[in-house]
Amino acid sequence: MSISLSNLDRSTAQAIPSVNVAAVIKTAREAIGYSVDDLAVTCGLLVVEIQEVESGEDTDSAKLKRIAAALQLPLASLGLE
């Protein structure tokens, strides 16, 4: 069966879940025992920038890449590459 507008409701296709970047970052930060201040110093961002990322307000890929490097997270875990 193909998916078209006429049979979209009957489709068994499922959306790929998006990565909750904020939760991944916060969980990784806490797992290594970093405070928000520690992470900010390590990746060269301001505390408020880390807080905005962890709250989901900011998804700037340049910031996410810096945070991923500081936390030693693969970019794919944040939906980046």
C-alpha atoms as a PDB file:
ATOM      1  CA  MET A   1       0.000   0.000   0.000  1.00  0.00           C
ATOM      2  CA  SER A   2       1.333   3.420  -0.827  1.00  0.00           C
ATOM      3  CA  ILE A   3       0.732   6.506   1.205  1.00  0.00           C
ATOM      4  CA  SER A   4      -1.267   9.231  -0.439  1.00  0.00           C
ATOM      5  CA  LEU A   5      -3.577  11.918   0.788  1.00  0.00           C
ATOM      6  CA  SER A   6      -6.554   9.668   0.187  1.00  0.00           C
ATOM      7  CA  ASN A   7      -5.272   6.825   2.372  1.00  0.00           C
ATOM      8  CA  LEU A   8      -3.126   8.707   4.862  1.00  0.00           C
ATOM      9  CA  ASP A   9      -5.507   8.010   7.752  1.00  0.00           C
ATOM     10  CA  ARG A  10      -5.358   4.271   7.088  1.00  0.00           C
ATOM     11  CA  SER A  11      -1.583   4.214   6.797  1.00  0.00           C
ATOM     12  CA  THR A  12       0.453   2.257   9.312  1.00  0.00           C
ATOM     13  CA  ALA A  13       3.414   4.565   8.822  1.00  0.00           C
ATOM     14  CA  GLN A  14       4.684   6.063  12.035  1.00  0.00           C
ATOM     15  CA  ALA A  15       6.473   9.338  12.535  1.00  0.00           C
ATOM     16  CA  ILE A  16      10.067   9.096  13.646  1.00  0.00           C
ATOM     17  CA  PRO A  17      10.227  10.495  17.174  1.00  0.00           C
ATOM     18  CA  SER A  18      12.283  13.632  17.453  1.00  0.00           C
ATOM     19  CA  VAL A  19      15.143  13.756  19.896  1.00  0.00           C
ATOM     20  CA  ASN A  20      14.398  15.698  23.047  1.00  0.00           C
ATOM     21  CA  VAL A  21      17.687  17.580  22.916  1.00  0.00           C
ATOM     22  CA  ALA A  22      17.043  19.456  26.151  1.00  0.00           C
ATOM     23  CA  ALA A  23      16.499  16.246  28.108  1.00  0.00           C
ATOM     24  CA  VAL A  24      19.488  14.474  26.539  1.00  0.00           C
ATOM     25  CA  ILE A  25      21.805  17.346  27.427  1.00  0.00           C
ATOM     26  CA  LYS A  26      20.517  17.762  30.970  1.00  0.00           C
ATOM     27  CA  THR A  27      20.668  14.014  31.637  1.00  0.00           C
ATOM     28  CA  ALA A  28      24.213  13.759  30.234  1.00  0.00           C
ATOM     29  CA  ARG A  29      25.352  16.785  32.230  1.00  0.00           C
ATOM     30  CA  GLU A  30      23.939  15.407  35.461  1.00  0.00           C
ATOM     31  CA  ALA A  31      25.321  11.912  34.752  1.00  0.00           C
ATOM     32  CA  ILE A  32      28.888  13.224  34.732  1.00  0.00           C
ATOM     33  CA  GLY A  33      28.287  15.404  37.763  1.00  0.00           C
ATOM     34  CA  TYR A  34      28.516  18.760  36.005  1.00  0.00           C
ATOM     35  CA  SER A  35      26.597  21.770  37.236  1.00  0.00           C
ATOM     36  CA  VAL A  36      25.284  24.252  34.693  1.00  0.00           C
ATOM     37  CA  ASP A  37      28.219  26.473  35.670  1.00  0.00           C
ATOM     38  CA  ASP A  38      30.704  23.649  35.031  1.00  0.00           C
ATOM     39  CA  LEU A  39      29.261  22.980  31.590  1.00  0.00           C
ATOM     40  CA  ALA A  40      29.250  26.665  30.706  1.00  0.00           C
ATOM     41  CA  VAL A  41      32.943  26.977  31.550  1.00  0.00           C
ATOM     42  CA  THR A  42      33.828  23.756  29.717  1.00  0.00           C
ATOM     43  CA  CYS A  43      32.110  24.682  26.460  1.00  0.00           C
ATOM     44  CA  GLY A  44      32.607  28.445  26.599  1.00  0.00           C
ATOM     45  CA  LEU A  45      28.963  29.433  26.777  1.00  0.00           C
ATOM     46  CA  LEU A  46      27.134  31.558  29.305  1.00  0.00           C
ATOM     47  CA  VAL A  47      25.124  29.926  32.088  1.00  0.00           C
ATOM     48  CA  VAL A  48      21.954  31.500  30.680  1.00  0.00           C
ATOM     49  CA  GLU A  49      22.707  29.943  27.269  1.00  0.00           C
ATOM     50  CA  ILE A  50      23.000  26.473  28.829  1.00  0.00           C
ATOM     51  CA  GLN A  51      19.765  27.054  30.730  1.00  0.00           C
ATOM     52  CA  GLU A  52      17.981  28.075  27.521  1.00  0.00           C
ATOM     53  CA  VAL A  53      19.211  24.938  25.749  1.00  0.00           C
ATOM     54  CA  GLU A  54      18.175  22.705  28.646  1.00  0.00           C
ATOM     55  CA  SER A  55      14.730  24.296  28.760  1.00  0.00           C
ATOM     56  CA  GLY A  56      14.270  23.768  25.019  1.00  0.00           C
ATOM     57  CA  GLU A  57      14.149  27.506  24.264  1.00  0.00           C
ATOM     58  CA  ASP A  58      17.386  27.487  22.234  1.00  0.00           C
ATOM     59  CA  THR A  59      18.331  24.865  19.655  1.00  0.00           C
ATOM     60  CA  ASP A  60      21.168  26.674  17.916  1.00  0.00           C
ATOM     61  CA  SER A  61      23.248  23.937  16.290  1.00  0.00           C
ATOM     62  CA  ALA A  62      26.562  25.722  16.947  1.00  0.00           C
ATOM     63  CA  LYS A  63      25.797  25.784  20.681  1.00  0.00           C
ATOM     64  CA  LEU A  64      24.596  22.179  20.621  1.00  0.00           C
ATOM     65  CA  LYS A  65      27.834  21.073  18.977  1.00  0.00           C
ATOM     66  CA  ARG A  66      29.917  22.835  21.628  1.00  0.00           C
ATOM     67  CA  ILE A  67      27.844  21.270  24.394  1.00  0.00           C
ATOM     68  CA  ALA A  68      28.068  17.826  22.778  1.00  0.00           C
ATOM     69  CA  ALA A  69      31.848  18.121  22.596  1.00  0.00           C
ATOM     70  CA  ALA A  70      32.059  19.203  26.235  1.00  0.00           C
ATOM     71  CA  LEU A  71      29.874  16.281  27.331  1.00  0.00           C
ATOM     72  CA  GLN A  72      31.540  13.858  24.898  1.00  0.00           C
ATOM     73  CA  LEU A  73      28.192  13.089  23.283  1.00  0.00           C
ATOM     74  CA  PRO A  74      27.961  11.895  19.691  1.00  0.00           C
ATOM     75  CA  LEU A  75      26.249  14.490  17.520  1.00  0.00           C
ATOM     76  CA  ALA A  76      23.729  11.870  16.456  1.00  0.00           C
ATOM     77  CA  SER A  77      22.424  11.686  20.033  1.00  0.00           C
ATOM     78  CA  LEU A  78      21.276  15.292  19.560  1.00  0.00           C
ATOM     79  CA  GLY A  79      19.888  14.730  16.081  1.00  0.00           C
ATOM     80  CA  LEU A  80      22.890  16.463  14.487  1.00  0.00           C
ATOM     81  CA  GLU A  81      25.562  15.398  12.027  1.00  0.00           C
END
